[in-house]
Amino acid sequence: MKRSERPTPVEFHGMVTVAPAMVALFQQVQRVARTDSSVLIRGETGTGKELFARAVHDLSGRRSGPFRALNCATLTPDHLASELFGHVRGAFTGAVKDRPGLFALADKGTLFLDEIAEIPLDLQARLLRVLQERVFVPLGGNSPREVDVRVLAATNRALRTEVAAGRFREDLMYRVRVVTLYLPLLVEREGDVAALSWHFIDEFNSRALAYGGRQIDEIEAEALALMEAYPWPGNIRELRNVIEQAYAMGEGPRLQVADLTPELRDEPPPDRSQARQPTLGPPAGAQTAQVEAAAPPLDEAARIRAALGHAGGRKAEAAEALGLSRTTLWRRMKALGI
């Protein structure tokens, strides 16, 4: 795909898409931003939860106030409490002066709590009080402090399941989940692998101009097909990393299959255990067996066509029925002229 053939995406607060589902989601963000309701953003890793939270803030009446973000899964319980509520001098060893927490720093603005399901139960009670009464007490303090903060939260877990398991307070769930936005996986965003690839190519092209680095103006058709067949467990973040690696590993103006990561090329990691075995030479007949194994069975094309027929042409279902990855199926179809 050449630059002239690239899709024209919709741009929305740093996000780009050609997928109708995403355009509809942008419209939901615009509507919810007009309110001051708490919002829960549901999405898997790498789907852009913080970008959506920032868009809600930037479109809201609090846009002139601060936006603060915290990943609740990265801190110990004590550190998390200090980050959220702050502490006074002497609250614990090493607390040599008062330190404001994120609730104080986000006053009159927005606080985004990513991975909210990771907050311990005792801290959940303190968070609930802030949401209900708009007051908090710093660690080691005695006087409640008033605060005016809109809380946006995100998780990749179902909070109802966490409540049923006793890991999340039901009353807090209802406070943070007034409105829910569901972010789709990258593989569910039709056309966005190509659109986002060009978006990241533009970004890295611009960076590379400063030092005379590589400029990409074309994506090889086979490379794009591999990217579109890949399941993208890391979503948009993983796609960006793949494009960045392509800049580092490839050369010239075309992004090629060889530039992609081994996962996209459907190559298994090297077997280090075999590398440690002494090499005594191939056994008799091994070369013939390898040649025979490399040649596709005569009925393989028929099996692939039958699987595609049963799956109604859906390659993902056909690949699963054949016990292949989507990438391997695509390669076999190309080799067999299907």
C-alpha atoms as a PDB file:
ATOM      1  CA  MET A   1       0.000   0.000   0.000  1.00  0.00           C
ATOM      2  CA  LYS A   2       1.494   3.281  -1.120  1.00  0.00           C
ATOM      3  CA  ARG A   3       1.061   6.565   0.688  1.00  0.00           C
ATOM      4  CA  SER A   4      -1.393   7.695  -2.010  1.00  0.00           C
ATOM      5  CA  GLU A   5      -3.565   4.626  -1.282  1.00  0.00           C
ATOM      6  CA  ARG A   6      -3.701   5.074   2.477  1.00  0.00           C
ATOM      7  CA  PRO A   7      -7.105   5.434   4.163  1.00  0.00           C
ATOM      8  CA  THR A   8      -8.262   8.865   5.308  1.00  0.00           C
ATOM      9  CA  PRO A   9      -9.011   8.562   9.031  1.00  0.00           C
ATOM     10  CA  VAL A  10     -11.163  10.540  11.427  1.00  0.00           C
ATOM     11  CA  GLU A  11      -9.004  12.340  14.021  1.00  0.00           C
ATOM     12  CA  PHE A  12     -10.274  12.884  17.557  1.00  0.00           C
ATOM     13  CA  HIS A  13      -8.124  14.221  20.412  1.00  0.00           C
ATOM     14  CA  GLY A  14      -4.973  12.382  19.369  1.00  0.00           C
ATOM     15  CA  MET A  15      -6.798   9.246  18.192  1.00  0.00           C
ATOM     16  CA  VAL A  16      -7.353   8.177  14.589  1.00  0.00           C
ATOM     17  CA  THR A  17      -9.757   5.658  13.071  1.00  0.00           C
ATOM     18  CA  VAL A  18     -11.647   4.606   9.979  1.00  0.00           C
ATOM     19  CA  ALA A  19     -13.832   2.152  11.920  1.00  0.00           C
ATOM     20  CA  PRO A  20     -17.520   3.124  12.248  1.00  0.00           C
ATOM     21  CA  ALA A  21     -17.631   1.658  15.784  1.00  0.00           C
ATOM     22  CA  MET A  22     -14.893   4.042  16.891  1.00  0.00           C
ATOM     23  CA  VAL A  23     -16.586   7.055  15.311  1.00  0.00           C
ATOM     24  CA  ALA A  24     -19.725   6.146  17.288  1.00  0.00           C
ATOM     25  CA  LEU A  25     -17.607   5.881  20.438  1.00  0.00           C
ATOM     26  CA  PHE A  26     -16.166   9.368  19.860  1.00  0.00           C
ATOM     27  CA  GLN A  27     -19.744  10.661  19.758  1.00  0.00           C
ATOM     28  CA  GLN A  28     -20.445   8.971  23.098  1.00  0.00           C
ATOM     29  CA  VAL A  29     -17.389  10.676  24.587  1.00  0.00           C
ATOM     30  CA  GLN A  30     -18.663  14.069  23.434  1.00  0.00           C
ATOM     31  CA  ARG A  31     -22.032  13.451  25.078  1.00  0.00           C
ATOM     32  CA  VAL A  32     -20.690  12.179  28.399  1.00  0.00           C
ATOM     33  CA  ALA A  33     -18.186  15.045  28.571  1.00  0.00           C
ATOM     34  CA  ARG A  34     -21.071  17.494  28.852  1.00  0.00           C
ATOM     35  CA  THR A  35     -21.979  15.988  32.241  1.00  0.00           C
ATOM     36  CA  ASP A  36     -19.994  15.735  35.457  1.00  0.00           C
ATOM     37  CA  SER A  37     -20.786  12.033  35.950  1.00  0.00           C
ATOM     38  CA  SER A  38     -18.204   9.452  36.938  1.00  0.00           C
ATOM     39  CA  VAL A  39     -17.128   7.330  33.965  1.00  0.00           C
ATOM     40  CA  LEU A  40     -15.764   3.791  33.876  1.00  0.00           C
ATOM     41  CA  ILE A  41     -13.702   2.973  30.775  1.00  0.00           C
ATOM     42  CA  ARG A  42     -13.565  -0.749  29.990  1.00  0.00           C
ATOM     43  CA  GLY A  43     -10.819  -1.963  27.697  1.00  0.00           C
ATOM     44  CA  GLU A  44      -7.943  -4.387  27.326  1.00  0.00           C
ATOM     45  CA  THR A  45      -4.291  -3.434  27.628  1.00  0.00           C
ATOM     46  CA  GLY A  46      -3.161  -1.061  24.897  1.00  0.00           C
ATOM     47  CA  THR A  47      -6.610   0.055  23.719  1.00  0.00           C
ATOM     48  CA  GLY A  48      -6.056   3.709  24.701  1.00  0.00           C
ATOM     49  CA  LYS A  49      -7.983   4.102  27.966  1.00  0.00           C
ATOM     50  CA  GLU A  50      -6.007   7.140  29.137  1.00  0.00           C
ATOM     51  CA  LEU A  51      -6.434   8.860  25.763  1.00  0.00           C
ATOM     52  CA  PHE A  52     -10.193   8.506  26.118  1.00  0.00           C
ATOM     53  CA  ALA A  53     -10.091   9.798  29.697  1.00  0.00           C
ATOM     54  CA  ARG A  54      -8.107  12.840  28.607  1.00  0.00           C
ATOM     55  CA  ALA A  55     -10.583  13.467  25.782  1.00  0.00           C
ATOM     56  CA  VAL A  56     -13.469  13.459  28.277  1.00  0.00           C
ATOM     57  CA  HIS A  57     -11.579  15.994  30.400  1.00  0.00           C
ATOM     58  CA  ASP A  58     -10.605  18.223  27.469  1.00  0.00           C
ATOM     59  CA  LEU A  59     -14.206  18.373  26.257  1.00  0.00           C
ATOM     60  CA  SER A  60     -15.696  18.994  29.708  1.00  0.00           C
ATOM     61  CA  GLY A  61     -16.348  22.122  31.716  1.00  0.00           C
ATOM     62  CA  ARG A  62     -13.260  21.210  33.768  1.00  0.00           C
ATOM     63  CA  ARG A  63     -10.895  21.562  30.797  1.00  0.00           C
ATOM     64  CA  SER A  64      -9.182  24.599  32.361  1.00  0.00           C
ATOM     65  CA  GLY A  65      -8.473  22.582  35.523  1.00  0.00           C
ATOM     66  CA  PRO A  66      -5.752  19.965  36.035  1.00  0.00           C
ATOM     67  CA  PHE A  67      -5.821  16.423  34.648  1.00  0.00           C
ATOM     68  CA  ARG A  68      -4.015  13.846  36.780  1.00  0.00           C
ATOM     69  CA  ALA A  69      -3.606  10.123  36.078  1.00  0.00           C
ATOM     70  CA  LEU A  70      -2.488   7.173  38.184  1.00  0.00           C
ATOM     71  CA  ASN A  71      -2.069   3.466  37.408  1.00  0.00           C
ATOM     72  CA  CYS A  72      -3.288   1.810  40.599  1.00  0.00           C
ATOM     73  CA  ALA A  73      -1.646  -1.525  39.742  1.00  0.00           C
ATOM     74  CA  THR A  74       1.922  -0.211  39.934  1.00  0.00           C
ATOM     75  CA  LEU A  75       2.077   0.800  43.618  1.00  0.00           C
ATOM     76  CA  THR A  76       2.084  -0.867  47.012  1.00  0.00           C
ATOM     77  CA  PRO A  77      -0.993  -0.169  49.198  1.00  0.00           C
ATOM     78  CA  ASP A  78       0.883   2.331  51.395  1.00  0.00           C
ATOM     79  CA  HIS A  79       2.393   4.144  48.440  1.00  0.00           C
ATOM     80  CA  LEU A  80      -0.978   4.202  46.688  1.00  0.00           C
ATOM     81  CA  ALA A  81      -2.656   5.766  49.730  1.00  0.00           C
ATOM     82  CA  SER A  82       0.026   8.446  49.881  1.00  0.00           C
ATOM     83  CA  GLU A  83      -0.263   9.152  46.138  1.00  0.00           C
ATOM     84  CA  LEU A  84      -4.034   9.539  46.352  1.00  0.00           C
ATOM     85  CA  PHE A  85      -4.517  11.395  49.626  1.00  0.00           C
ATOM     86  CA  GLY A  86      -1.100  12.871  50.399  1.00  0.00           C
ATOM     87  CA  HIS A  87       0.453  12.923  53.857  1.00  0.00           C
ATOM     88  CA  VAL A  88       1.498  15.301  56.601  1.00  0.00           C
ATOM     89  CA  ARG A  89       4.976  15.581  58.019  1.00  0.00           C
ATOM     90  CA  GLY A  90       5.761  12.720  60.392  1.00  0.00           C
ATOM     91  CA  ALA A  91       2.991  10.478  59.076  1.00  0.00           C
ATOM     92  CA  PHE A  92       5.583   7.712  58.551  1.00  0.00           C
ATOM     93  CA  THR A  93       9.332   7.261  58.463  1.00  0.00           C
ATOM     94  CA  GLY A  94      10.729   9.499  55.751  1.00  0.00           C
ATOM     95  CA  ALA A  95       7.759  11.895  55.691  1.00  0.00           C
ATOM     96  CA  VAL A  96       9.854  14.986  56.384  1.00  0.00           C
ATOM     97  CA  LYS A  97       7.313  17.468  55.032  1.00  0.00           C
ATOM     98  CA  ASP A  98       3.692  17.739  53.981  1.00  0.00           C
ATOM     99  CA  ARG A  99       3.007  16.328  50.524  1.00  0.00           C
ATOM    100  CA  PRO A 100      -0.239  16.829  48.603  1.00  0.00           C
ATOM    101  CA  GLY A 101      -1.851  13.808  46.976  1.00  0.00           C
ATOM    102  CA  LEU A 102      -3.515  13.555  43.600  1.00  0.00           C
ATOM    103  CA  PHE A 103      -6.950  14.465  44.925  1.00  0.00           C
ATOM    104  CA  ALA A 104      -5.583  17.786  46.132  1.00  0.00           C
ATOM    105  CA  LEU A 105      -3.579  18.313  42.950  1.00  0.00           C
ATOM    106  CA  ALA A 106      -6.604  17.543  40.764  1.00  0.00           C
ATOM    107  CA  ASP A 107      -8.946  19.944  42.596  1.00  0.00           C
ATOM    108  CA  LYS A 108     -11.361  21.645  40.134  1.00  0.00           C
ATOM    109  CA  GLY A 109     -10.205  19.148  37.489  1.00  0.00           C
ATOM    110  CA  THR A 110     -10.186  15.443  36.674  1.00  0.00           C
ATOM    111  CA  LEU A 111      -8.485  12.425  38.248  1.00  0.00           C
ATOM    112  CA  PHE A 112      -8.083   9.301  36.103  1.00  0.00           C
ATOM    113  CA  LEU A 113      -7.577   6.046  38.027  1.00  0.00           C
ATOM    114  CA  ASP A 114      -6.394   3.280  35.706  1.00  0.00           C
ATOM    115  CA  GLU A 115      -6.739  -0.355  36.851  1.00  0.00           C
ATOM    116  CA  ILE A 116      -9.112   0.681  39.633  1.00  0.00           C
ATOM    117  CA  ALA A 117      -9.913  -2.964  40.397  1.00  0.00           C
ATOM    118  CA  GLU A 118      -6.397  -3.269  41.863  1.00  0.00           C
ATOM    119  CA  ILE A 119      -7.131  -0.871  44.759  1.00  0.00           C
ATOM    120  CA  PRO A 120      -7.132  -2.757  48.116  1.00  0.00           C
ATOM    121  CA  LEU A 121     -10.445  -2.978  49.978  1.00  0.00           C
ATOM    122  CA  ASP A 122      -9.389  -0.697  52.852  1.00  0.00           C
ATOM    123  CA  LEU A 123      -8.433   2.060  50.403  1.00  0.00           C
ATOM    124  CA  GLN A 124     -11.680   1.522  48.510  1.00  0.00           C
ATOM    125  CA  ALA A 125     -13.562   2.700  51.605  1.00  0.00           C
ATOM    126  CA  ARG A 126     -11.546   5.918  51.675  1.00  0.00           C
ATOM    127  CA  LEU A 127     -12.087   6.452  47.973  1.00  0.00           C
ATOM    128  CA  LEU A 128     -15.826   5.966  48.420  1.00  0.00           C
ATOM    129  CA  ARG A 129     -15.899   8.715  51.046  1.00  0.00           C
ATOM    130  CA  VAL A 130     -14.245  11.169  48.665  1.00  0.00           C
ATOM    131  CA  LEU A 131     -16.804  10.383  45.974  1.00  0.00           C
ATOM    132  CA  GLN A 132     -19.762  10.619  48.358  1.00  0.00           C
ATOM    133  CA  GLU A 133     -18.775  13.522  50.608  1.00  0.00           C
ATOM    134  CA  ARG A 134     -16.059  15.295  48.554  1.00  0.00           C
ATOM    135  CA  VAL A 135     -13.713  15.301  51.538  1.00  0.00           C
ATOM    136  CA  PHE A 136     -10.541  13.372  52.375  1.00  0.00           C
ATOM    137  CA  VAL A 137      -7.970  13.226  55.170  1.00  0.00           C
ATOM    138  CA  PRO A 138      -4.245  13.058  54.316  1.00  0.00           C
ATOM    139  CA  LEU A 139      -2.236  10.234  55.880  1.00  0.00           C
ATOM    140  CA  GLY A 140      -1.296  11.189  59.414  1.00  0.00           C
ATOM    141  CA  GLY A 141      -3.700  14.149  59.399  1.00  0.00           C
ATOM    142  CA  ASN A 142      -6.791  14.910  61.454  1.00  0.00           C
ATOM    143  CA  SER A 143      -8.637  17.623  59.525  1.00  0.00           C
ATOM    144  CA  PRO A 144     -10.854  16.722  56.541  1.00  0.00           C
ATOM    145  CA  ARG A 145     -10.170  18.698  53.394  1.00  0.00           C
ATOM    146  CA  GLU A 146     -12.792  19.522  50.794  1.00  0.00           C
ATOM    147  CA  VAL A 147     -12.124  18.730  47.159  1.00  0.00           C
ATOM    148  CA  ASP A 148     -13.954  19.108  43.862  1.00  0.00           C
ATOM    149  CA  VAL A 149     -12.719  16.399  41.503  1.00  0.00           C
ATOM    150  CA  ARG A 150     -14.338  14.397  38.723  1.00  0.00           C
ATOM    151  CA  VAL A 151     -13.142  10.793  38.855  1.00  0.00           C
ATOM    152  CA  LEU A 152     -12.704   8.765  35.684  1.00  0.00           C
ATOM    153  CA  ALA A 153     -11.699   5.126  36.141  1.00  0.00           C
ATOM    154  CA  ALA A 154     -10.593   2.271  33.912  1.00  0.00           C
ATOM    155  CA  THR A 155     -10.259  -1.486  34.177  1.00  0.00           C
ATOM    156  CA  ASN A 156      -9.933  -4.549  31.978  1.00  0.00           C
ATOM    157  CA  ARG A 157     -11.984  -6.581  34.468  1.00  0.00           C
ATOM    158  CA  ALA A 158     -15.730  -6.855  34.996  1.00  0.00           C
ATOM    159  CA  LEU A 159     -16.389  -5.071  38.296  1.00  0.00           C
ATOM    160  CA  ARG A 160     -19.502  -7.177  38.933  1.00  0.00           C
ATOM    161  CA  THR A 161     -17.279 -10.267  38.905  1.00  0.00           C
ATOM    162  CA  GLU A 162     -14.865  -8.562  41.299  1.00  0.00           C
ATOM    163  CA  VAL A 163     -17.780  -7.661  43.604  1.00  0.00           C
ATOM    164  CA  ALA A 164     -19.072 -11.252  43.561  1.00  0.00           C
ATOM    165  CA  ALA A 165     -15.567 -12.480  44.467  1.00  0.00           C
ATOM    166  CA  GLY A 166     -15.387 -10.053  47.402  1.00  0.00           C
ATOM    167  CA  ARG A 167     -12.523  -8.053  45.915  1.00  0.00           C
ATOM    168  CA  PHE A 168     -14.416  -4.854  45.140  1.00  0.00           C
ATOM    169  CA  ARG A 169     -17.044  -2.899  47.085  1.00  0.00           C
ATOM    170  CA  GLU A 170     -20.462  -2.895  45.487  1.00  0.00           C
ATOM    171  CA  ASP A 171     -21.239   0.639  46.675  1.00  0.00           C
ATOM    172  CA  LEU A 172     -17.998   1.904  45.142  1.00  0.00           C
ATOM    173  CA  MET A 173     -18.789   0.114  41.877  1.00  0.00           C
ATOM    174  CA  TYR A 174     -22.024   2.067  41.545  1.00  0.00           C
ATOM    175  CA  ARG A 175     -20.170   5.323  42.263  1.00  0.00           C
ATOM    176  CA  VAL A 176     -17.464   4.871  39.628  1.00  0.00           C
ATOM    177  CA  ARG A 177     -19.639   3.142  37.023  1.00  0.00           C
ATOM    178  CA  VAL A 178     -22.331   5.761  36.439  1.00  0.00           C
ATOM    179  CA  VAL A 179     -21.478   5.775  32.717  1.00  0.00           C
ATOM    180  CA  THR A 180     -19.488   2.990  31.031  1.00  0.00           C
ATOM    181  CA  LEU A 181     -17.503   3.303  27.802  1.00  0.00           C
ATOM    182  CA  TYR A 182     -16.425   0.047  26.150  1.00  0.00           C
ATOM    183  CA  LEU A 183     -13.266   0.262  24.031  1.00  0.00           C
ATOM    184  CA  PRO A 184     -13.018  -2.302  21.206  1.00  0.00           C
ATOM    185  CA  LEU A 185      -9.995  -4.481  20.555  1.00  0.00           C
ATOM    186  CA  LEU A 186      -7.805  -3.479  17.623  1.00  0.00           C
ATOM    187  CA  VAL A 187      -8.913  -6.575  15.672  1.00  0.00           C
ATOM    188  CA  GLU A 188     -12.521  -5.374  16.050  1.00  0.00           C
ATOM    189  CA  ARG A 189     -11.723  -1.988  14.488  1.00  0.00           C
ATOM    190  CA  GLU A 190     -12.227  -2.598  10.774  1.00  0.00           C
ATOM    191  CA  GLY A 191      -9.553  -0.914   8.675  1.00  0.00           C
ATOM    192  CA  ASP A 192      -7.680   0.538  11.637  1.00  0.00           C
ATOM    193  CA  VAL A 193      -4.564  -1.646  11.373  1.00  0.00           C
ATOM    194  CA  ALA A 194      -3.724   0.124   8.110  1.00  0.00           C
ATOM    195  CA  ALA A 195      -4.900   3.547   9.298  1.00  0.00           C
ATOM    196  CA  LEU A 196      -2.930   3.376  12.547  1.00  0.00           C
ATOM    197  CA  SER A 197       0.134   1.953  10.820  1.00  0.00           C
ATOM    198  CA  TRP A 198       0.273   5.033   8.592  1.00  0.00           C
ATOM    199  CA  HIS A 199      -0.385   7.254  11.622  1.00  0.00           C
ATOM    200  CA  PHE A 200       2.666   5.802  13.390  1.00  0.00           C
ATOM    201  CA  ILE A 201       4.725   5.857  10.184  1.00  0.00           C
ATOM    202  CA  ASP A 202       4.028   9.602   9.930  1.00  0.00           C
ATOM    203  CA  GLU A 203       5.156  10.001  13.534  1.00  0.00           C
ATOM    204  CA  PHE A 204       8.428   8.122  13.043  1.00  0.00           C
ATOM    205  CA  ASN A 205       9.066   9.727   9.647  1.00  0.00           C
ATOM    206  CA  SER A 206       8.811  13.125  11.323  1.00  0.00           C
ATOM    207  CA  ARG A 207      11.204  12.110  14.092  1.00  0.00           C
ATOM    208  CA  ALA A 208      13.689  10.610  11.646  1.00  0.00           C
ATOM    209  CA  LEU A 209      13.861  13.834   9.609  1.00  0.00           C
ATOM    210  CA  ALA A 210      15.840  15.458  12.419  1.00  0.00           C
ATOM    211  CA  TYR A 211      18.790  13.085  11.925  1.00  0.00           C
ATOM    212  CA  GLY A 212      18.352  12.034   8.305  1.00  0.00           C
ATOM    213  CA  GLY A 213      16.885   8.677   9.192  1.00  0.00           C
ATOM    214  CA  ARG A 214      14.677   6.289   7.293  1.00  0.00           C
ATOM    215  CA  GLN A 215      11.552   7.592   5.543  1.00  0.00           C
ATOM    216  CA  ILE A 216       8.819   5.043   4.747  1.00  0.00           C
ATOM    217  CA  ASP A 217       6.315   5.815   1.995  1.00  0.00           C
ATOM    218  CA  GLU A 218       4.984   2.334   1.191  1.00  0.00           C
ATOM    219  CA  ILE A 219       3.833  -0.787   3.035  1.00  0.00           C
ATOM    220  CA  GLU A 220       4.445  -4.044   1.171  1.00  0.00           C
ATOM    221  CA  ALA A 221       1.148  -5.810   0.437  1.00  0.00           C
ATOM    222  CA  GLU A 222       2.285  -9.034   2.113  1.00  0.00           C
ATOM    223  CA  ALA A 223       3.445  -7.156   5.215  1.00  0.00           C
ATOM    224  CA  LEU A 224       0.085  -5.394   5.517  1.00  0.00           C
ATOM    225  CA  ALA A 225      -1.747  -8.700   5.046  1.00  0.00           C
ATOM    226  CA  LEU A 226       0.272 -10.251   7.875  1.00  0.00           C
ATOM    227  CA  MET A 227      -0.499  -7.313  10.145  1.00  0.00           C
ATOM    228  CA  GLU A 228      -4.203  -7.506   9.353  1.00  0.00           C
ATOM    229  CA  ALA A 229      -4.237 -11.262  10.048  1.00  0.00           C
ATOM    230  CA  TYR A 230      -2.464 -10.950  13.413  1.00  0.00           C
ATOM    231  CA  PRO A 231      -4.634 -11.004  16.601  1.00  0.00           C
ATOM    232  CA  TRP A 232      -2.811  -8.073  18.301  1.00  0.00           C
ATOM    233  CA  PRO A 233      -2.985  -9.115  21.984  1.00  0.00           C
ATOM    234  CA  GLY A 234      -1.258  -5.855  22.903  1.00  0.00           C
ATOM    235  CA  ASN A 235      -3.617  -3.819  20.716  1.00  0.00           C
ATOM    236  CA  ILE A 236      -2.584  -0.322  19.583  1.00  0.00           C
ATOM    237  CA  ARG A 237       0.435  -0.201  21.865  1.00  0.00           C
ATOM    238  CA  GLU A 238       1.793  -3.397  20.303  1.00  0.00           C
ATOM    239  CA  LEU A 239       1.146  -2.090  16.774  1.00  0.00           C
ATOM    240  CA  ARG A 240       3.106   1.063  17.540  1.00  0.00           C
ATOM    241  CA  ASN A 241       6.002  -1.051  18.844  1.00  0.00           C
ATOM    242  CA  VAL A 242       5.955  -3.145  15.657  1.00  0.00           C
ATOM    243  CA  ILE A 243       6.167  -0.038  13.479  1.00  0.00           C
ATOM    244  CA  GLU A 244       8.989   1.339  15.622  1.00  0.00           C
ATOM    245  CA  GLN A 245      10.913  -1.924  15.261  1.00  0.00           C
ATOM    246  CA  ALA A 246      10.399  -1.793  11.506  1.00  0.00           C
ATOM    247  CA  TYR A 247      12.220   1.550  11.456  1.00  0.00           C
ATOM    248  CA  ALA A 248      15.095   0.117  13.450  1.00  0.00           C
ATOM    249  CA  MET A 249      15.477  -3.180  11.594  1.00  0.00           C
ATOM    250  CA  GLY A 250      14.599  -2.296   8.002  1.00  0.00           C
ATOM    251  CA  GLU A 251      16.039  -0.065   5.319  1.00  0.00           C
ATOM    252  CA  GLY A 252      14.642   1.888   2.427  1.00  0.00           C
ATOM    253  CA  PRO A 253      11.273   3.496   1.747  1.00  0.00           C
ATOM    254  CA  ARG A 254       9.197   0.292   1.865  1.00  0.00           C
ATOM    255  CA  LEU A 255       8.068  -1.487   5.049  1.00  0.00           C
ATOM    256  CA  GLN A 256       8.583  -5.172   4.249  1.00  0.00           C
ATOM    257  CA  VAL A 257       7.797  -8.545   5.827  1.00  0.00           C
ATOM    258  CA  ALA A 258      11.417  -8.865   6.975  1.00  0.00           C
ATOM    259  CA  ASP A 259      10.980  -5.676   9.043  1.00  0.00           C
ATOM    260  CA  LEU A 260       8.185  -7.199  11.150  1.00  0.00           C
ATOM    261  CA  THR A 261       8.519  -8.999  14.466  1.00  0.00           C
ATOM    262  CA  PRO A 262       8.830 -12.820  14.530  1.00  0.00           C
ATOM    263  CA  GLU A 263       5.296 -13.089  15.925  1.00  0.00           C
ATOM    264  CA  LEU A 264       3.827 -11.443  12.845  1.00  0.00           C
ATOM    265  CA  ARG A 265       5.962 -13.567  10.534  1.00  0.00           C
ATOM    266  CA  ASP A 266       4.658 -16.626  12.426  1.00  0.00           C
ATOM    267  CA  GLU A 267       8.187 -17.713  13.313  1.00  0.00           C
ATOM    268  CA  PRO A 268       8.676 -19.659  16.564  1.00  0.00           C
ATOM    269  CA  PRO A 269      11.446 -18.548  18.934  1.00  0.00           C
ATOM    270  CA  PRO A 270      14.758 -20.362  18.420  1.00  0.00           C
ATOM    271  CA  ASP A 271      15.042 -23.679  20.260  1.00  0.00           C
ATOM    272  CA  ARG A 272      18.054 -23.062  22.499  1.00  0.00           C
ATOM    273  CA  SER A 273      18.037 -26.655  23.756  1.00  0.00           C
ATOM    274  CA  GLN A 274      18.762 -27.911  20.221  1.00  0.00           C
ATOM    275  CA  ALA A 275      21.611 -25.430  19.907  1.00  0.00           C
ATOM    276  CA  ARG A 276      23.340 -27.077  22.896  1.00  0.00           C
ATOM    277  CA  GLN A 277      23.272 -30.557  21.318  1.00  0.00           C
ATOM    278  CA  PRO A 278      26.476 -31.700  19.561  1.00  0.00           C
ATOM    279  CA  THR A 279      26.173 -31.753  15.778  1.00  0.00           C
ATOM    280  CA  LEU A 280      26.991 -35.213  14.432  1.00  0.00           C
ATOM    281  CA  GLY A 281      25.632 -34.690  10.915  1.00  0.00           C
ATOM    282  CA  PRO A 282      22.197 -35.489   9.541  1.00  0.00           C
ATOM    283  CA  PRO A 283      20.949 -39.060   9.749  1.00  0.00           C
ATOM    284  CA  ALA A 284      20.623 -41.048   6.564  1.00  0.00           C
ATOM    285  CA  GLY A 285      17.633 -39.963   4.509  1.00  0.00           C
ATOM    286  CA  ALA A 286      17.119 -36.751   6.532  1.00  0.00           C
ATOM    287  CA  GLN A 287      17.641 -34.478   3.540  1.00  0.00           C
ATOM    288  CA  THR A 288      15.061 -36.370   1.494  1.00  0.00           C
ATOM    289  CA  ALA A 289      12.599 -36.242   4.384  1.00  0.00           C
ATOM    290  CA  GLN A 290      13.085 -32.479   4.731  1.00  0.00           C
ATOM    291  CA  VAL A 291      12.416 -31.910   1.048  1.00  0.00           C
ATOM    292  CA  GLU A 292       9.305 -34.066   1.226  1.00  0.00           C
ATOM    293  CA  ALA A 293       8.099 -32.207   4.350  1.00  0.00           C
ATOM    294  CA  ALA A 294       8.603 -28.867   2.627  1.00  0.00           C
ATOM    295  CA  ALA A 295       6.416 -29.849  -0.300  1.00  0.00           C
ATOM    296  CA  PRO A 296       2.716 -29.216   0.351  1.00  0.00           C
ATOM    297  CA  PRO A 297       0.476 -32.316   0.368  1.00  0.00           C
ATOM    298  CA  LEU A 298      -1.476 -32.772  -2.815  1.00  0.00           C
ATOM    299  CA  ASP A 299      -4.831 -32.488  -1.001  1.00  0.00           C
ATOM    300  CA  GLU A 300      -3.935 -29.421   1.096  1.00  0.00           C
ATOM    301  CA  ALA A 301      -5.601 -26.983  -1.280  1.00  0.00           C
ATOM    302  CA  ALA A 302      -8.782 -29.056  -1.199  1.00  0.00           C
ATOM    303  CA  ARG A 303      -8.760 -29.145   2.619  1.00  0.00           C
ATOM    304  CA  ILE A 304      -8.277 -25.390   2.823  1.00  0.00           C
ATOM    305  CA  ARG A 305     -11.061 -24.745   0.328  1.00  0.00           C
ATOM    306  CA  ALA A 306     -13.378 -27.070   2.258  1.00  0.00           C
ATOM    307  CA  ALA A 307     -12.593 -25.329   5.557  1.00  0.00           C
ATOM    308  CA  LEU A 308     -13.214 -21.925   3.987  1.00  0.00           C
ATOM    309  CA  GLY A 309     -16.501 -23.171   2.593  1.00  0.00           C
ATOM    310  CA  HIS A 310     -17.665 -24.465   5.975  1.00  0.00           C
ATOM    311  CA  ALA A 311     -16.610 -21.164   7.584  1.00  0.00           C
ATOM    312  CA  GLY A 312     -18.418 -19.063   5.004  1.00  0.00           C
ATOM    313  CA  GLY A 313     -15.130 -17.586   3.811  1.00  0.00           C
ATOM    314  CA  ARG A 314     -14.082 -16.421   7.290  1.00  0.00           C
ATOM    315  CA  LYS A 315     -10.351 -17.099   7.459  1.00  0.00           C
ATOM    316  CA  ALA A 316     -10.128 -16.966  11.269  1.00  0.00           C
ATOM    317  CA  GLU A 317     -12.689 -19.778  11.635  1.00  0.00           C
ATOM    318  CA  ALA A 318     -11.135 -21.782   8.818  1.00  0.00           C
ATOM    319  CA  ALA A 319      -7.677 -21.472  10.387  1.00  0.00           C
ATOM    320  CA  GLU A 320      -8.999 -22.674  13.746  1.00  0.00           C
ATOM    321  CA  ALA A 321     -10.696 -25.673  12.117  1.00  0.00           C
ATOM    322  CA  LEU A 322      -7.443 -26.569  10.350  1.00  0.00           C
ATOM    323  CA  GLY A 323      -5.354 -26.110  13.487  1.00  0.00           C
ATOM    324  CA  LEU A 324      -3.405 -23.232  11.951  1.00  0.00           C
ATOM    325  CA  SER A 325      -2.805 -19.623  12.867  1.00  0.00           C
ATOM    326  CA  ARG A 326      -4.424 -17.005  10.628  1.00  0.00           C
ATOM    327  CA  THR A 327      -0.971 -15.989   9.420  1.00  0.00           C
ATOM    328  CA  THR A 328       0.002 -19.551   8.477  1.00  0.00           C
ATOM    329  CA  LEU A 329      -3.300 -20.056   6.666  1.00  0.00           C
ATOM    330  CA  TRP A 330      -2.716 -16.855   4.697  1.00  0.00           C
ATOM    331  CA  ARG A 331       0.764 -18.023   3.715  1.00  0.00           C
ATOM    332  CA  ARG A 332      -0.473 -21.482   2.620  1.00  0.00           C
ATOM    333  CA  MET A 333      -3.291 -19.909   0.587  1.00  0.00           C
ATOM    334  CA  LYS A 334      -0.804 -17.667  -1.176  1.00  0.00           C
ATOM    335  CA  ALA A 335       1.567 -20.549  -1.874  1.00  0.00           C
ATOM    336  CA  LEU A 336      -1.259 -22.685  -3.269  1.00  0.00           C
ATOM    337  CA  GLY A 337      -2.794 -19.883  -5.300  1.00  0.00           C
ATOM    338  CA  ILE A 338      -6.106 -19.907  -3.409  1.00  0.00           C
END
